[in-house]
N, C-alpha and C. Protein backbone atom coordinates (compact mmCIF):
# COMPACT_ATOMS: atom_id res chain seq x y z
N MET A 1 -24.19 0.60 1.02
CA MET A 1 -24.10 1.72 0.28
C MET A 1 -22.08 1.31 0.89
N GLN A 2 -21.33 1.88 -0.78
CA GLN A 2 -20.01 2.10 0.64
C GLN A 2 -19.51 3.78 1.13
N PRO A 3 -18.53 3.79 2.43
CA PRO A 3 -18.44 5.16 2.87
C PRO A 3 -17.86 5.67 2.03
N LEU A 4 -17.21 7.37 1.93
CA LEU A 4 -17.00 7.84 0.36
C LEU A 4 -15.23 7.50 1.14
N ALA A 5 -14.83 7.75 2.29
CA ALA A 5 -13.27 6.92 2.81
C ALA A 5 -12.59 5.97 1.46
N ASP A 6 -13.48 4.92 1.24
CA ASP A 6 -13.45 3.99 0.34
C ASP A 6 -13.43 3.51 -0.80
N LYS A 7 -14.18 4.77 -1.14
CA LYS A 7 -14.12 5.33 -3.11
C LYS A 7 -12.44 7.00 -2.72
N LEU A 8 -12.75 7.04 -2.44
CA LEU A 8 -11.45 8.35 -2.45
C LEU A 8 -10.44 7.02 -2.51
N ARG A 9 -10.19 6.05 -1.46
CA ARG A 9 -8.90 5.24 -1.52
C ARG A 9 -8.14 4.45 -2.54
N PRO A 10 -7.06 5.07 -2.79
CA PRO A 10 -5.84 5.10 -3.83
C PRO A 10 -6.29 3.17 -4.18
N HIS A 11 -5.76 3.10 -5.66
CA HIS A 11 -6.20 0.88 -5.27
C HIS A 11 -5.43 0.93 -5.90
N GLN A 12 -4.12 1.78 -6.69
CA GLN A 12 -2.54 1.52 -6.94
C GLN A 12 -0.94 2.22 -6.03
N ILE A 13 -0.06 1.40 -6.17
CA ILE A 13 0.56 2.29 -5.47
C ILE A 13 0.85 3.08 -5.59
N GLU A 14 1.46 3.84 -7.43
CA GLU A 14 1.59 5.37 -8.32
C GLU A 14 -0.01 6.08 -7.50
N ASP A 15 -1.11 5.95 -7.49
CA ASP A 15 -1.60 6.29 -6.70
C ASP A 15 -1.06 7.78 -5.70
N MET A 16 -0.91 6.53 -4.43
CA MET A 16 -0.43 6.68 -3.09
C MET A 16 0.08 7.75 -3.36
N VAL A 17 -0.02 9.16 -2.10
CA VAL A 17 0.82 10.37 -2.59
C VAL A 17 1.85 10.37 -0.90
N GLY A 18 3.15 10.85 -0.92
CA GLY A 18 3.86 11.10 -0.29
C GLY A 18 3.96 9.52 -0.01
N GLN A 19 5.54 9.67 0.94
CA GLN A 19 6.60 8.29 1.49
C GLN A 19 7.15 7.75 -0.04
N SER A 20 7.59 9.13 -0.74
CA SER A 20 8.46 8.41 -1.83
C SER A 20 9.50 7.21 -1.91
N HIS A 21 10.42 8.03 -0.60
CA HIS A 21 11.18 7.33 -0.90
C HIS A 21 11.23 5.81 0.14
N ILE A 22 10.18 5.49 0.48
CA ILE A 22 9.27 3.19 0.52
C ILE A 22 8.61 3.13 -0.84
N ILE A 23 7.77 4.61 -0.98
CA ILE A 23 7.33 3.43 -1.62
C ILE A 23 7.31 3.98 -3.41
N GLY A 24 8.32 4.84 -4.17
CA GLY A 24 7.91 5.08 -5.07
C GLY A 24 9.22 4.01 -6.38
N LYS A 25 9.12 4.52 -7.34
CA LYS A 25 9.36 4.10 -8.76
C LYS A 25 10.65 3.37 -8.23
N GLY A 26 10.95 2.15 -8.17
CA GLY A 26 13.29 1.27 -7.64
C GLY A 26 12.63 1.82 -6.43
N LYS A 27 11.57 1.83 -5.67
CA LYS A 27 11.91 1.94 -4.20
C LYS A 27 11.83 0.80 -3.61
N VAL A 28 11.57 0.03 -2.08
CA VAL A 28 11.49 -0.60 -0.63
C VAL A 28 10.84 -1.64 -1.24
N ILE A 29 9.44 -0.49 -1.03
CA ILE A 29 8.19 -1.62 -0.91
C ILE A 29 7.97 -1.85 -2.72
N ASN A 30 8.27 -0.52 -3.46
CA ASN A 30 7.98 -1.09 -4.67
C ASN A 30 8.32 -3.03 -5.33
N LYS A 31 9.53 -2.32 -4.86
CA LYS A 31 10.65 -3.70 -5.49
C LYS A 31 9.78 -4.97 -4.80
N LEU A 32 8.98 -5.23 -3.60
CA LEU A 32 9.30 -6.03 -3.35
C LEU A 32 7.63 -6.34 -3.84
N ILE A 33 6.75 -5.42 -4.49
CA ILE A 33 5.98 -5.76 -4.86
C ILE A 33 6.29 -6.21 -6.04
N GLU A 34 6.82 -6.24 -6.64
CA GLU A 34 6.86 -6.40 -8.38
C GLU A 34 7.40 -8.39 -8.15
N ASN A 35 8.60 -7.81 -7.45
CA ASN A 35 8.55 -9.54 -7.09
C ASN A 35 8.14 -10.32 -6.99
N ASN A 36 6.83 -9.91 -6.34
CA ASN A 36 5.79 -10.53 -5.35
C ASN A 36 6.82 -11.45 -4.23
N THR A 37 7.45 -11.06 -3.12
CA THR A 37 8.28 -11.75 -1.93
C THR A 37 7.96 -10.52 -1.07
N ILE A 38 6.47 -10.39 -0.57
CA ILE A 38 6.16 -9.84 0.13
C ILE A 38 6.18 -10.22 1.99
N PRO A 39 7.39 -9.55 2.20
CA PRO A 39 7.82 -9.80 4.08
C PRO A 39 6.76 -9.98 5.26
N ASN A 40 6.71 -10.27 6.38
CA ASN A 40 5.70 -10.48 7.79
C ASN A 40 6.28 -8.46 7.31
N MET A 41 5.32 -8.09 7.35
CA MET A 41 6.32 -6.02 7.89
C MET A 41 4.84 -6.19 9.28
N ILE A 42 5.52 -5.25 9.79
CA ILE A 42 4.52 -3.90 11.00
C ILE A 42 5.17 -2.25 10.48
N LEU A 43 3.76 -2.53 10.24
CA LEU A 43 3.23 -1.07 9.40
C LEU A 43 2.43 -0.07 11.30
N TYR A 44 3.61 1.32 10.21
CA TYR A 44 2.86 2.08 12.51
C TYR A 44 2.89 3.45 11.68
N GLY A 45 2.64 4.30 12.38
CA GLY A 45 2.08 5.56 12.63
C GLY A 45 0.82 6.36 12.73
N PRO A 46 0.13 7.42 12.93
CA PRO A 46 -1.15 7.94 13.05
C PRO A 46 -1.61 7.71 12.69
N PRO A 47 -3.03 7.44 12.75
CA PRO A 47 -4.51 7.62 11.52
C PRO A 47 -3.76 8.27 11.02
N GLY A 48 -5.17 7.95 9.64
CA GLY A 48 -4.88 8.23 8.34
C GLY A 48 -3.93 8.17 8.05
N THR A 49 -2.48 8.06 8.09
CA THR A 49 -1.60 8.29 7.53
C THR A 49 -1.38 7.35 5.85
N GLY A 50 -1.85 6.43 5.83
CA GLY A 50 -2.59 4.95 4.92
C GLY A 50 -1.99 3.86 4.79
N LYS A 51 -1.45 3.45 5.90
CA LYS A 51 -0.85 1.91 6.22
C LYS A 51 -1.63 0.99 5.97
N THR A 52 -3.37 1.05 5.70
CA THR A 52 -4.13 0.40 5.61
C THR A 52 -4.21 0.02 4.16
N THR A 53 -4.53 1.57 3.38
CA THR A 53 -4.07 2.08 2.19
C THR A 53 -3.12 0.83 1.88
N LEU A 54 -1.90 1.07 2.17
CA LEU A 54 -1.30 0.25 1.59
C LEU A 54 -0.79 -0.93 1.77
N ALA A 55 -1.29 -1.51 2.80
CA ALA A 55 -1.50 -2.66 3.45
C ALA A 55 -2.87 -3.86 1.96
N ASN A 56 -3.97 -2.59 1.84
CA ASN A 56 -4.61 -3.88 0.83
C ASN A 56 -3.68 -3.27 -0.42
N ILE A 57 -3.60 -2.73 -1.63
CA ILE A 57 -3.12 -2.14 -2.86
C ILE A 57 -1.93 -3.52 -2.78
N ILE A 58 -0.87 -3.70 -1.45
CA ILE A 58 0.08 -4.83 -1.76
C ILE A 58 -1.10 -6.58 -0.95
N ALA A 59 -1.86 -6.76 -1.15
CA ALA A 59 -3.02 -7.30 -0.71
C ALA A 59 -3.43 -7.48 -2.21
N ASN A 60 -3.68 -7.18 -2.52
CA ASN A 60 -4.47 -6.85 -4.24
C ASN A 60 -3.46 -6.71 -5.36
N VAL A 61 -2.28 -6.41 -4.90
CA VAL A 61 -1.34 -7.40 -6.63
C VAL A 61 -0.73 -8.30 -6.32
N THR A 62 -0.87 -8.47 -5.13
CA THR A 62 0.46 -9.83 -4.79
C THR A 62 -1.47 -11.03 -4.67
N GLY A 63 -2.16 -10.52 -4.74
CA GLY A 63 -3.34 -12.19 -4.43
C GLY A 63 -3.26 -12.29 -2.91
N LYS A 64 -2.79 -12.24 -2.62
CA LYS A 64 -2.39 -12.40 -0.36
C LYS A 64 -3.53 -12.03 -0.16
N ASN A 65 -3.72 -12.27 1.05
CA ASN A 65 -4.38 -11.85 2.84
C ASN A 65 -3.89 -10.71 3.42
N ILE A 66 -4.77 -10.46 3.95
CA ILE A 66 -3.85 -9.18 5.24
C ILE A 66 -4.44 -9.83 6.49
């Protein structure tokens, strides 16, 4: 059985809420995903802010491992 948090987790960058200055259309993270040029990144912040979700979305879209 899959945890509820995993079921509700966004699966596309467009479904994420907040941080639009970084992940919005035409912004830094979105451009990196579109160009498939993901550098090493450290995602920093308090629990529950979407770090793991963003990492999973990037990995799924680009076909890379986290």
